[in-house]
C-alpha atoms as a PDB file:
ATOM      1  CA  MET A   1    -179.525 -40.358 -33.220  1.00  0.00           C
ATOM      2  CA  ILE A   2    -176.234 -41.914 -32.910  1.00  0.00           C
ATOM      3  CA  LEU A   3    -175.707 -45.730 -33.533  1.00  0.00           C
ATOM      4  CA  ASN A   4    -172.829 -47.818 -32.859  1.00  0.00           C
ATOM      5  CA  PRO A   5    -171.199 -49.641 -35.621  1.00  0.00           C
ATOM      6  CA  ARG A   6    -171.048 -53.369 -33.759  1.00  0.00           C
ATOM      7  CA  MET A   7    -174.132 -53.460 -33.312  1.00  0.00           C
ATOM      8  CA  LYS A   8    -176.452 -55.949 -35.539  1.00  0.00           C
ATOM      9  CA  PHE A   9    -179.814 -55.179 -36.322  1.00  0.00           C
ATOM     10  CA  HIS A  10    -181.932 -57.327 -37.660  1.00  0.00           C
ATOM     11  CA  CYS A  11    -185.375 -56.698 -40.146  1.00  0.00           C
ATOM     12  CA  PRO A  12    -188.336 -58.560 -38.608  1.00  0.00           C
ATOM     13  CA  ASN A  13    -189.867 -60.204 -41.233  1.00  0.00           C
ATOM     14  CA  CYS A  14    -187.052 -62.444 -42.139  1.00  0.00           C
ATOM     15  CA  GLY A  15    -184.469 -61.896 -40.118  1.00  0.00           C
ATOM     16  CA  SER A  16    -181.291 -61.315 -42.266  1.00  0.00           C
ATOM     17  CA  ASP A  17    -179.623 -58.114 -40.788  1.00  0.00           C
ATOM     18  CA  VAL A  18    -180.102 -54.813 -42.045  1.00  0.00           C
ATOM     19  CA  ALA A  19    -177.181 -52.052 -42.491  1.00  0.00           C
ATOM     20  CA  PRO A  20    -176.622 -49.579 -39.943  1.00  0.00           C
ATOM     21  CA  ALA A  21    -177.119 -46.992 -42.810  1.00  0.00           C
ATOM     22  CA  ARG A  22    -180.442 -47.750 -43.244  1.00  0.00           C
ATOM     23  CA  VAL A  23    -181.533 -48.174 -39.643  1.00  0.00           C
ATOM     24  CA  HIS A  24    -180.243 -44.900 -39.085  1.00  0.00           C
ATOM     25  CA  LEU A  25    -182.638 -43.594 -42.398  1.00  0.00           C
ATOM     26  CA  GLY A  26    -185.923 -45.362 -39.841  1.00  0.00           C
ATOM     27  CA  TYR A  27    -186.104 -48.621 -42.095  1.00  0.00           C
ATOM     28  CA  LYS A  28    -186.206 -51.427 -40.113  1.00  0.00           C
ATOM     29  CA  HIS A  29    -186.692 -54.017 -42.485  1.00  0.00           C
ATOM     30  CA  CYS A  30    -183.498 -54.610 -44.423  1.00  0.00           C
ATOM     31  CA  MET A  31    -183.815 -53.737 -48.808  1.00  0.00           C
ATOM     32  CA  GLU A  32    -185.322 -56.616 -50.538  1.00  0.00           C
ATOM     33  CA  CYS A  33    -188.796 -56.838 -47.473  1.00  0.00           C
ATOM     34  CA  GLY A  34    -188.523 -53.464 -47.475  1.00  0.00           C
ATOM     35  CA  GLU A  35    -188.263 -53.414 -51.663  1.00  0.00           C
ATOM     36  CA  THR A  36    -191.200 -56.118 -51.261  1.00  0.00           C
ATOM     37  CA  GLN A  37    -193.214 -54.031 -49.229  1.00  0.00           C
ATOM     38  CA  ALA A  38    -192.298 -50.587 -51.398  1.00  0.00           C
ATOM     39  CA  ARG A  39    -194.355 -52.772 -54.302  1.00  0.00           C
ATOM     40  CA  GLU A  40    -197.387 -53.813 -52.510  1.00  0.00           C
ATOM     41  CA  VAL A  41    -198.113 -50.643 -51.463  1.00  0.00           C
ATOM     42  CA  ARG A  42    -197.403 -48.636 -55.211  1.00  0.00           C
ATOM     43  CA  MET A  43    -199.912 -51.532 -56.848  1.00  0.00           C
ATOM     44  CA  THR A  44    -202.451 -49.823 -54.865  1.00  0.00           C
ATOM     45  CA  TRP A  45    -201.916 -46.079 -56.720  1.00  0.00           C
ATOM     46  CA  CYS A  46    -203.601 -44.326 -59.106  1.00  0.00           C
ATOM     47  CA  VAL A  47    -203.359 -41.080 -61.096  1.00  0.00           C
ATOM     48  CA  ALA A  48    -206.175 -39.703 -62.191  1.00  0.00           C
ATOM     49  CA  PRO A  49    -207.710 -36.782 -63.433  1.00  0.00           C
ATOM     50  CA  ALA A  50    -209.987 -35.039 -59.526  1.00  0.00           C
ATOM     51  CA  TYR A  51    -212.757 -32.998 -62.047  1.00  0.00           C
ATOM     52  CA  ASN A  52    -214.075 -32.637 -65.119  1.00  0.00           C
ATOM     53  CA  LYS A  53    -210.586 -31.133 -67.396  1.00  0.00           C
ATOM     54  CA  GLY A  54    -208.699 -31.158 -63.894  1.00  0.00           C
ATOM     55  CA  ALA A  55    -204.829 -31.985 -63.218  1.00  0.00           C
ATOM     56  CA  TYR A  56    -203.766 -34.684 -62.702  1.00  0.00           C
ATOM     57  CA  GLN A  57    -204.273 -36.191 -58.900  1.00  0.00           C
ATOM     58  CA  LEU A  58    -202.199 -39.325 -57.257  1.00  0.00           C
ATOM     59  CA  ILE A  59    -205.470 -41.094 -56.343  1.00  0.00           C
ATOM     60  CA  THR A  60    -205.440 -43.978 -53.182  1.00  0.00           C
ATOM     61  CA  ASN A  61    -208.088 -44.223 -52.060  1.00  0.00           C
ATOM     62  CA  PRO A  62    -210.472 -46.776 -54.212  1.00  0.00           C
ATOM     63  CA  ASP A  63    -213.887 -44.767 -53.400  1.00  0.00           C
ATOM     64  CA  ASP A  64    -212.206 -41.227 -54.703  1.00  0.00           C
ATOM     65  CA  LEU A  65    -211.885 -43.486 -58.313  1.00  0.00           C
ATOM     66  CA  LYS A  66    -215.381 -43.390 -58.226  1.00  0.00           C
ATOM     67  CA  VAL A  67    -216.309 -40.110 -57.285  1.00  0.00           C
ATOM     68  CA  THR A  68    -214.091 -38.715 -60.030  1.00  0.00           C
ATOM     69  CA  ASN A  69    -216.462 -40.140 -63.017  1.00  0.00           C
ATOM     70  CA  PRO A  70    -219.972 -39.871 -61.965  1.00  0.00           C
ATOM     71  CA  LYS A  71    -221.192 -41.407 -65.339  1.00  0.00           C
ATOM     72  CA  ARG A  72    -222.949 -44.594 -64.535  1.00  0.00           C
ATOM     73  CA  THR A  73    -222.486 -47.635 -67.305  1.00  0.00           C
ATOM     74  CA  ILE A  74    -224.866 -50.017 -67.893  1.00  0.00           C
END
């Protein structure tokens, strides 16, 4: 995709200008809004062993954590 360097791109969240290089890489948001969105997504990540004595894996679904430790506490 070839971008016109004089063309202005605006962030859909805050309306500020987005650098053409970011648009060329596929980003639609400015740096500040993109960082905010990335922080929100990273808050949902968790690393845990998928099974007993297994390797640690990235868990993004909270229901998967219930399966990793089937022991119930009373």
